[in-house]
Amino acid sequence: MVGGFLRCGSPVKVIDEIIKEKIGDLTLIANDTSLPDFDRGKLITNKLVKKAIVTHIGTNPETVRQMNAGEIEVELTPMGTLVEKIRAAGAGIGGFLTPTGVGTIVENGKQTMEVDGKKYIFEKPLSAEVAIIYATKADKLGNAFLEGTTRNFNTVMATAAKTVILEPEEIVDEPLDPTQIIIPGIFVDYIAC
């Protein structure tokens, strides 16, 4: 899992290290595949991703090219469904019902059920081995503050991975004020600087 929404709140330094080390054959779970020359998009451009589970790829023509050439598998998921699948994994919930995608290709191969006369798709939780997330500021205990819209997917991904790597812009010596903590350090395994 890689936090961020296009260029907002992306862990760019850790992504650059993945590219430098040529760590490939990845399944990317993210909101998007960004732009070809930025953060998650560079993972695509460098052909390190075998599968992308995302909400859209329209800003990265390289993702589209690789998908059409059969070089990458892309699983498009409605944004609200994707974030809820991740949240369900983080909360230990076995899945949830959603009307989003009923009667479309999103429904194909999935269990459906009717509740009070309305049809729903059953969506399973989505977790990851590793989540790479961004923070505006963190203390040495891993408690993190995220400014404004940088919270995006970062907050929910912190709860749904076995290992969480936090990339803060700033690390402070003193513990963060509890009222500033957006992601508690209990979810963070490593702080990348």
Protein backbone atom coordinates (compact mmCIF):
# COMPACT_ATOMS: atom_id res chain seq x y z
CA MET A 1 0.00 0.00 0.00
CA VAL A 2 1.26 3.45 -0.84
CA GLY A 3 -0.42 6.52 0.62
CA GLY A 4 -1.16 9.68 -1.26
CA PHE A 5 -3.62 11.13 -3.71
CA LEU A 6 -1.88 12.08 -6.93
CA ARG A 7 0.98 14.31 -5.71
CA CYS A 8 -0.55 15.06 -2.30
CA GLY A 9 0.84 13.23 0.73
CA SER A 10 3.05 10.75 -1.07
CA PRO A 11 6.09 9.05 0.52
CA VAL A 12 8.43 10.03 -2.32
CA LYS A 13 11.79 9.28 -0.64
CA VAL A 14 10.88 5.68 0.19
CA ILE A 15 9.54 5.18 -3.32
CA ASP A 16 12.81 6.52 -4.74
CA GLU A 17 14.71 3.98 -2.61
CA ILE A 18 12.51 1.14 -3.90
CA ILE A 19 13.34 2.24 -7.43
CA LYS A 20 17.05 2.58 -6.63
CA GLU A 21 17.11 -0.96 -5.17
CA LYS A 22 15.00 -2.26 -8.10
CA ILE A 23 12.51 -4.00 -5.79
CA GLY A 24 9.97 -5.33 -8.26
CA ASP A 25 7.16 -7.77 -8.88
CA LEU A 26 5.03 -5.57 -6.63
CA THR A 27 1.28 -5.40 -6.15
CA LEU A 28 0.49 -1.72 -5.70
CA ILE A 29 -2.55 -0.76 -3.65
CA ALA A 30 -3.11 2.98 -3.92
CA ASN A 31 -5.63 5.60 -4.90
CA ASP A 32 -3.97 6.06 -8.29
CA THR A 33 -0.82 5.48 -10.34
CA SER A 34 0.00 9.20 -10.18
CA LEU A 35 2.01 10.77 -13.00
CA PRO A 36 4.74 8.97 -14.97
CA ASP A 37 7.57 10.97 -13.37
CA PHE A 38 6.34 11.22 -9.77
CA ASP A 39 6.02 8.91 -6.73
CA ARG A 40 3.86 5.83 -7.51
CA GLY A 41 4.01 6.66 -11.20
CA LYS A 42 7.76 6.11 -11.20
CA LEU A 43 7.18 2.58 -9.89
CA ILE A 44 5.08 1.99 -13.01
CA THR A 45 7.53 3.69 -15.37
CA ASN A 46 10.36 1.54 -13.97
CA LYS A 47 8.23 -1.60 -14.46
CA LEU A 48 8.37 -2.63 -10.81
CA VAL A 49 4.61 -3.23 -10.48
CA LYS A 50 2.97 -6.45 -11.71
CA LYS A 51 -0.52 -5.53 -10.46
CA ALA A 52 -2.16 -2.24 -9.48
CA ILE A 53 -5.31 -2.10 -7.36
CA VAL A 54 -6.34 1.54 -7.75
CA THR A 55 -9.27 3.86 -8.35
CA HIS A 56 -7.93 5.44 -11.54
CA ILE A 57 -5.02 5.43 -13.97
CA GLY A 58 -6.00 8.32 -16.24
CA THR A 59 -3.18 10.64 -15.18
CA ASN A 60 -0.49 8.12 -16.05
CA PRO A 61 -0.38 7.16 -19.75
CA GLU A 62 2.41 4.65 -18.99
CA THR A 63 0.03 2.63 -16.82
CA VAL A 64 -2.49 2.60 -19.67
CA ARG A 65 0.19 1.56 -22.16
CA GLN A 66 1.46 -1.28 -19.95
CA MET A 67 -2.10 -2.45 -19.24
CA ASN A 68 -2.98 -2.54 -22.94
CA ALA A 69 0.29 -4.38 -23.70
CA GLY A 70 -0.46 -6.99 -21.02
CA GLU A 71 2.59 -5.95 -18.99
CA ILE A 72 0.63 -5.02 -15.86
CA GLU A 73 -2.68 -6.15 -14.39
CA VAL A 74 -4.94 -3.29 -13.31
CA GLU A 75 -7.88 -3.77 -10.96
CA LEU A 76 -9.99 -0.64 -10.94
CA THR A 77 -12.05 -0.20 -7.78
CA PRO A 78 -14.46 2.64 -6.92
CA MET A 79 -12.70 5.03 -4.52
CA GLY A 80 -15.13 4.69 -1.64
CA THR A 81 -15.07 0.91 -2.00
CA LEU A 82 -11.27 0.81 -2.03
CA VAL A 83 -10.89 2.90 1.11
CA GLU A 84 -13.63 0.91 2.88
CA LYS A 85 -11.95 -2.41 1.94
CA ILE A 86 -8.73 -1.10 3.49
CA ARG A 87 -10.59 0.23 6.55
CA ALA A 88 -12.34 -3.13 7.00
CA ALA A 89 -8.99 -4.91 7.01
CA GLY A 90 -7.61 -2.48 9.59
CA ALA A 91 -10.68 -2.94 11.79
CA GLY A 92 -10.66 -6.72 11.49
CA ILE A 93 -14.06 -6.76 9.77
CA GLY A 94 -14.77 -9.66 7.41
CA GLY A 95 -16.25 -7.46 4.70
CA PHE A 96 -19.12 -5.12 3.97
CA LEU A 97 -22.08 -4.57 1.66
CA THR A 98 -22.18 -1.76 -0.88
CA PRO A 99 -24.58 -0.79 -3.66
CA THR A 100 -21.68 0.78 -5.61
CA GLY A 101 -21.04 -1.22 -8.76
CA VAL A 102 -24.27 -3.21 -8.79
CA GLY A 103 -25.19 -3.96 -12.39
CA THR A 104 -21.67 -3.14 -13.67
CA ILE A 105 -18.49 -5.12 -14.28
CA VAL A 106 -17.53 -4.35 -10.67
CA GLU A 107 -20.13 -6.93 -9.68
CA ASN A 108 -18.63 -9.74 -11.82
CA GLY A 109 -17.46 -12.71 -9.79
CA LYS A 110 -18.57 -11.24 -6.46
CA GLN A 111 -21.22 -12.40 -4.04
CA THR A 112 -24.37 -10.29 -4.01
CA MET A 113 -27.31 -10.19 -1.68
CA GLU A 114 -30.55 -8.36 -1.27
CA VAL A 115 -31.38 -6.46 1.91
CA ASP A 116 -34.82 -4.88 2.29
CA GLY A 117 -35.38 -5.10 -1.45
CA LYS A 118 -32.05 -3.48 -2.42
CA LYS A 119 -29.18 -5.37 -4.08
CA TYR A 120 -25.65 -5.11 -2.64
CA ILE A 121 -22.20 -6.41 -3.52
CA PHE A 122 -20.26 -8.09 -0.74
CA GLU A 123 -16.71 -6.68 -0.67
CA LYS A 124 -13.90 -8.41 1.22
CA PRO A 125 -11.28 -6.54 3.24
CA LEU A 126 -7.98 -5.58 1.60
CA SER A 127 -4.71 -5.70 3.53
CA ALA A 128 -1.04 -5.59 2.59
CA GLU A 129 2.32 -6.87 3.74
CA VAL A 130 3.71 -3.32 3.74
CA ALA A 131 2.24 0.19 3.79
CA ILE A 132 4.42 3.15 2.92
CA ILE A 133 2.83 6.31 4.22
CA TYR A 134 3.60 10.01 4.52
CA ALA A 135 3.40 12.38 7.48
CA THR A 136 3.96 16.08 7.83
CA LYS A 137 5.61 15.61 11.23
CA ALA A 138 6.34 12.67 13.55
CA ASP A 139 7.92 12.14 16.93
CA LYS A 140 10.47 9.41 17.67
CA LEU A 141 7.68 7.11 18.91
CA GLY A 142 6.09 7.11 15.44
CA ASN A 143 3.14 9.29 16.38
CA ALA A 144 2.31 11.27 13.27
CA PHE A 145 0.62 14.51 12.33
CA LEU A 146 -0.64 14.98 8.77
CA GLU A 147 -1.55 18.42 7.50
CA GLY A 148 -4.93 18.85 5.77
CA THR A 149 -5.50 16.75 2.68
CA THR A 150 -2.25 14.81 3.08
CA ARG A 151 -4.30 12.57 5.38
CA ASN A 152 -6.05 11.06 2.33
CA PHE A 153 -5.28 7.31 2.14
CA ASN A 154 -2.34 7.50 4.56
CA THR A 155 -4.43 7.29 7.72
CA VAL A 156 -6.45 4.21 6.80
CA MET A 157 -3.49 2.37 5.24
CA ALA A 158 -1.57 2.66 8.51
CA THR A 159 -4.07 0.26 10.10
CA ALA A 160 -4.24 -2.37 7.35
CA ALA A 161 -0.68 -3.57 6.77
CA LYS A 162 1.58 -5.97 8.65
CA THR A 163 4.50 -3.54 8.39
CA VAL A 164 4.12 0.26 8.22
CA ILE A 165 6.93 2.55 7.06
CA LEU A 166 6.32 6.20 7.87
CA GLU A 167 8.06 8.96 5.89
CA PRO A 168 7.70 12.23 7.79
CA GLU A 169 8.89 15.58 6.49
CA GLU A 170 10.08 16.40 9.99
CA ILE A 171 10.97 14.34 13.08
CA VAL A 172 10.67 16.17 16.39
CA ASP A 173 12.49 15.29 19.62
CA GLU A 174 9.58 15.86 21.98
CA PRO A 175 6.46 13.65 21.86
CA LEU A 176 3.67 15.18 19.80
CA ASP A 177 0.80 16.86 21.62
CA PRO A 178 -1.90 14.15 21.79
CA THR A 179 -4.37 16.53 20.14
CA GLN A 180 -2.11 16.65 17.06
CA ILE A 181 -1.73 12.89 16.60
CA ILE A 182 -3.52 11.65 13.49
CA ILE A 183 -1.76 8.25 13.27
CA PRO A 184 -0.76 6.75 16.63
CA GLY A 185 2.75 5.31 16.81
CA ILE A 186 1.35 1.89 17.67
CA PHE A 187 0.65 1.44 13.95
CA VAL A 188 4.16 2.47 12.82
CA ASP A 189 7.00 -0.05 12.56
CA TYR A 190 9.70 2.08 10.92
CA ILE A 191 10.37 5.78 10.46
CA ALA A 192 12.23 6.62 7.25
CA CYS A 193 14.27 9.80 7.17
